[in-house]
Every structure is written in structure tokens, then in C-alpha cells.
Amino acid sequence: MFRIAVVLGFLAIATPAFADAIDGSWCSTKGDHVDIEGPKIITPAKNVVQGQYRRHEFLYKVPMGEPDADQMIYMQLLDETDMQSFVIQKDGKPGAQQNWKRCTVTS
């Protein structure tokens, strides 16, 4: 019985638990894809950028050469499968909302 408990404990540790965090792969309703891992994001254009990470939120500056370059993007986890993002406009107000779903992208 003890051995089963130890094995189950190791499985729990080894399995990523992203259900209550913004970390993971996300696909937008527009066909974009991002990957968030702690303070790192891989943008839709495949650039790796450091951002400001909080468990349920992410903020980053869009790199040059991408749509909305030099703008800030704010992302917020809504539940374990849904996220929304906004471009922060020059006046500090949020732009149009973009919806995202957790996804698995194969190369």
C-alpha cells in the first residue's frame, strides 16, 4: 500500500498542472498560437519574449516586426480552458478583446 502511495505521489509531481495557471499552449479564435511558460512567451510570430507573469495574468511588449509592434498585450486566464487578451492602447484603455482556448499544436 505504501508503494502505491509513493508511485501516485511521483506521478502527481511529474504531471504538469496548468489547470489553474496561465502557463501552456493557447490558440485564438483568429488562428494565432502562443505558448506561455512562467515569464516567457512564444508569440504568434514565434519570437521568444520575456513578460510580466502572474499565475492568472501575463503582460508583454510586442516585438518589432509583429502586428501591434511596440504595444503592450495583457492576457487574463478566465478558467482552466479560456483566456482573453487585449492590446493596451496609448491612452491606457484596453483595445478589442481576443479570445483564446487551451490547445495542442503539432509541428
C-alpha atoms as a PDB file:
ATOM      1  CA  MET A   1       0.000   0.000   0.000  1.00  0.00           C
ATOM      2  CA  PHE A   2       2.835   2.396   0.866  1.00  0.00           C
ATOM      3  CA  ARG A   3       4.475   1.662  -2.505  1.00  0.00           C
ATOM      4  CA  ILE A   4       1.262   2.623  -4.354  1.00  0.00           C
ATOM      5  CA  ALA A   5       1.082   5.901  -2.439  1.00  0.00           C
ATOM      6  CA  VAL A   6       4.708   6.705  -3.311  1.00  0.00           C
ATOM      7  CA  VAL A   7       4.154   5.935  -7.017  1.00  0.00           C
ATOM      8  CA  LEU A   8       0.997   8.071  -7.108  1.00  0.00           C
ATOM      9  CA  GLY A   9       2.907  10.874  -5.401  1.00  0.00           C
ATOM     10  CA  PHE A  10       5.631  10.808  -8.060  1.00  0.00           C
ATOM     11  CA  LEU A  11       3.056  10.796 -10.854  1.00  0.00           C
ATOM     12  CA  ALA A  12       1.370  13.837  -9.366  1.00  0.00           C
ATOM     13  CA  ILE A  13       4.692  15.691  -9.228  1.00  0.00           C
ATOM     14  CA  ALA A  14       5.745  14.656 -12.741  1.00  0.00           C
ATOM     15  CA  THR A  15       2.500  15.731 -14.434  1.00  0.00           C
ATOM     16  CA  PRO A  16       2.300  19.442 -15.320  1.00  0.00           C
ATOM     17  CA  ALA A  17      -0.647  21.046 -13.554  1.00  0.00           C
ATOM     18  CA  PHE A  18      -1.596  24.009 -15.725  1.00  0.00           C
ATOM     19  CA  ALA A  19      -5.319  23.943 -14.964  1.00  0.00           C
ATOM     20  CA  ASP A  20      -5.086  26.838 -12.502  1.00  0.00           C
ATOM     21  CA  ALA A  21      -2.359  28.870 -14.218  1.00  0.00           C
ATOM     22  CA  ILE A  22      -1.980  30.753 -17.473  1.00  0.00           C
ATOM     23  CA  ASP A  23       1.024  28.601 -18.443  1.00  0.00           C
ATOM     24  CA  GLY A  24       0.554  26.406 -21.503  1.00  0.00           C
ATOM     25  CA  SER A  25      -0.392  26.490 -25.180  1.00  0.00           C
ATOM     26  CA  TRP A  26      -3.207  28.760 -26.362  1.00  0.00           C
ATOM     27  CA  CYS A  27      -4.994  29.098 -29.706  1.00  0.00           C
ATOM     28  CA  SER A  28      -7.036  32.185 -30.574  1.00  0.00           C
ATOM     29  CA  THR A  29     -10.313  32.264 -32.414  1.00  0.00           C
ATOM     30  CA  LYS A  30      -8.347  34.102 -35.168  1.00  0.00           C
ATOM     31  CA  GLY A  31      -5.918  31.189 -35.636  1.00  0.00           C
ATOM     32  CA  ASP A  32      -2.975  32.575 -33.633  1.00  0.00           C
ATOM     33  CA  HIS A  33      -0.975  30.424 -31.202  1.00  0.00           C
ATOM     34  CA  VAL A  34       1.106  31.349 -28.142  1.00  0.00           C
ATOM     35  CA  ASP A  35       2.973  29.347 -25.513  1.00  0.00           C
ATOM     36  CA  ILE A  36       3.419  30.744 -22.005  1.00  0.00           C
ATOM     37  CA  GLU A  37       5.916  29.257 -19.568  1.00  0.00           C
ATOM     38  CA  GLY A  38       6.424  31.407 -16.486  1.00  0.00           C
ATOM     39  CA  PRO A  39       7.740  34.822 -17.596  1.00  0.00           C
ATOM     40  CA  LYS A  40       8.465  33.578 -21.152  1.00  0.00           C
ATOM     41  CA  ILE A  41       6.050  33.698 -24.076  1.00  0.00           C
ATOM     42  CA  ILE A  42       6.455  32.435 -27.625  1.00  0.00           C
ATOM     43  CA  THR A  43       4.447  34.909 -29.676  1.00  0.00           C
ATOM     44  CA  PRO A  44       2.287  34.136 -32.725  1.00  0.00           C
ATOM     45  CA  ALA A  45       5.303  35.080 -34.917  1.00  0.00           C
ATOM     46  CA  LYS A  46       7.471  32.586 -32.946  1.00  0.00           C
ATOM     47  CA  ASN A  47       9.511  35.243 -31.116  1.00  0.00           C
ATOM     48  CA  VAL A  48      10.560  34.441 -27.546  1.00  0.00           C
ATOM     49  CA  VAL A  49       9.821  37.383 -25.245  1.00  0.00           C
ATOM     50  CA  GLN A  50      10.089  37.910 -21.505  1.00  0.00           C
ATOM     51  CA  GLY A  51       6.973  39.351 -19.917  1.00  0.00           C
ATOM     52  CA  GLN A  52       5.424  40.042 -16.547  1.00  0.00           C
ATOM     53  CA  TYR A  53       3.958  36.805 -15.246  1.00  0.00           C
ATOM     54  CA  ARG A  54       1.354  36.295 -12.572  1.00  0.00           C
ATOM     55  CA  ARG A  55      -0.385  32.986 -12.094  1.00  0.00           C
ATOM     56  CA  HIS A  56      -3.574  34.132 -13.887  1.00  0.00           C
ATOM     57  CA  GLU A  57      -2.219  37.086 -15.903  1.00  0.00           C
ATOM     58  CA  PHE A  58       0.522  37.862 -18.396  1.00  0.00           C
ATOM     59  CA  LEU A  59       1.714  41.185 -19.824  1.00  0.00           C
ATOM     60  CA  TYR A  60       4.292  41.631 -22.578  1.00  0.00           C
ATOM     61  CA  LYS A  61       5.529  44.128 -25.136  1.00  0.00           C
ATOM     62  CA  VAL A  62       5.028  43.012 -28.741  1.00  0.00           C
ATOM     63  CA  PRO A  63       8.381  42.796 -30.556  1.00  0.00           C
ATOM     64  CA  MET A  64       9.119  44.809 -33.687  1.00  0.00           C
ATOM     65  CA  GLY A  65       8.039  43.167 -36.926  1.00  0.00           C
ATOM     66  CA  GLU A  66       4.812  41.739 -35.467  1.00  0.00           C
ATOM     67  CA  PRO A  67       1.283  43.159 -35.695  1.00  0.00           C
ATOM     68  CA  ASP A  68       0.760  45.648 -32.832  1.00  0.00           C
ATOM     69  CA  ALA A  69       4.571  46.039 -32.511  1.00  0.00           C
ATOM     70  CA  ASP A  70       5.729  48.084 -29.522  1.00  0.00           C
ATOM     71  CA  GLN A  71       2.290  47.779 -27.876  1.00  0.00           C
ATOM     72  CA  MET A  72       1.589  46.011 -24.596  1.00  0.00           C
ATOM     73  CA  ILE A  73      -0.613  42.893 -24.623  1.00  0.00           C
ATOM     74  CA  TYR A  74      -2.473  41.930 -21.444  1.00  0.00           C
ATOM     75  CA  MET A  75      -3.695  38.340 -21.082  1.00  0.00           C
ATOM     76  CA  GLN A  76      -6.021  37.063 -18.362  1.00  0.00           C
ATOM     77  CA  LEU A  77      -6.988  33.495 -17.509  1.00  0.00           C
ATOM     78  CA  LEU A  78     -10.770  33.154 -17.245  1.00  0.00           C
ATOM     79  CA  ASP A  79     -10.971  29.464 -16.325  1.00  0.00           C
ATOM     80  CA  GLU A  80      -8.913  26.354 -16.976  1.00  0.00           C
ATOM     81  CA  THR A  81      -9.637  26.358 -20.740  1.00  0.00           C
ATOM     82  CA  ASP A  82     -10.330  30.021 -21.580  1.00  0.00           C
ATOM     83  CA  MET A  83      -8.215  33.170 -21.713  1.00  0.00           C
ATOM     84  CA  GLN A  84      -8.755  36.653 -23.118  1.00  0.00           C
ATOM     85  CA  SER A  85      -6.265  39.263 -24.279  1.00  0.00           C
ATOM     86  CA  PHE A  86      -6.291  42.970 -25.052  1.00  0.00           C
ATOM     87  CA  VAL A  87      -3.885  45.380 -26.695  1.00  0.00           C
ATOM     88  CA  ILE A  88      -3.306  48.215 -24.221  1.00  0.00           C
ATOM     89  CA  GLN A  89      -3.906  51.389 -26.234  1.00  0.00           C
ATOM     90  CA  LYS A  90      -1.787  54.539 -25.943  1.00  0.00           C
ATOM     91  CA  ASP A  91      -4.397  56.074 -23.602  1.00  0.00           C
ATOM     92  CA  GLY A  92      -4.101  53.042 -21.291  1.00  0.00           C
ATOM     93  CA  LYS A  93      -7.531  51.651 -22.171  1.00  0.00           C
ATOM     94  CA  PRO A  94      -7.974  48.086 -23.448  1.00  0.00           C
ATOM     95  CA  GLY A  95      -8.490  47.564 -27.168  1.00  0.00           C
ATOM     96  CA  ALA A  96     -10.625  44.861 -28.729  1.00  0.00           C
ATOM     97  CA  GLN A  97     -10.824  41.594 -26.822  1.00  0.00           C
ATOM     98  CA  GLN A  98      -9.341  38.429 -28.315  1.00  0.00           C
ATOM     99  CA  ASN A  99     -10.493  35.032 -27.029  1.00  0.00           C
ATOM    100  CA  TRP A 100      -8.183  32.030 -26.587  1.00  0.00           C
ATOM    101  CA  LYS A 101      -8.643  28.321 -25.804  1.00  0.00           C
ATOM    102  CA  ARG A 102      -6.117  25.846 -24.468  1.00  0.00           C
ATOM    103  CA  CYS A 103      -4.828  23.787 -27.344  1.00  0.00           C
ATOM    104  CA  THR A 104      -2.199  21.363 -28.522  1.00  0.00           C
ATOM    105  CA  VAL A 105      -0.294  22.397 -31.612  1.00  0.00           C
ATOM    106  CA  THR A 106       1.691  19.829 -33.563  1.00  0.00           C
ATOM    107  CA  SER A 107       4.551  20.904 -35.784  1.00  0.00           C
END
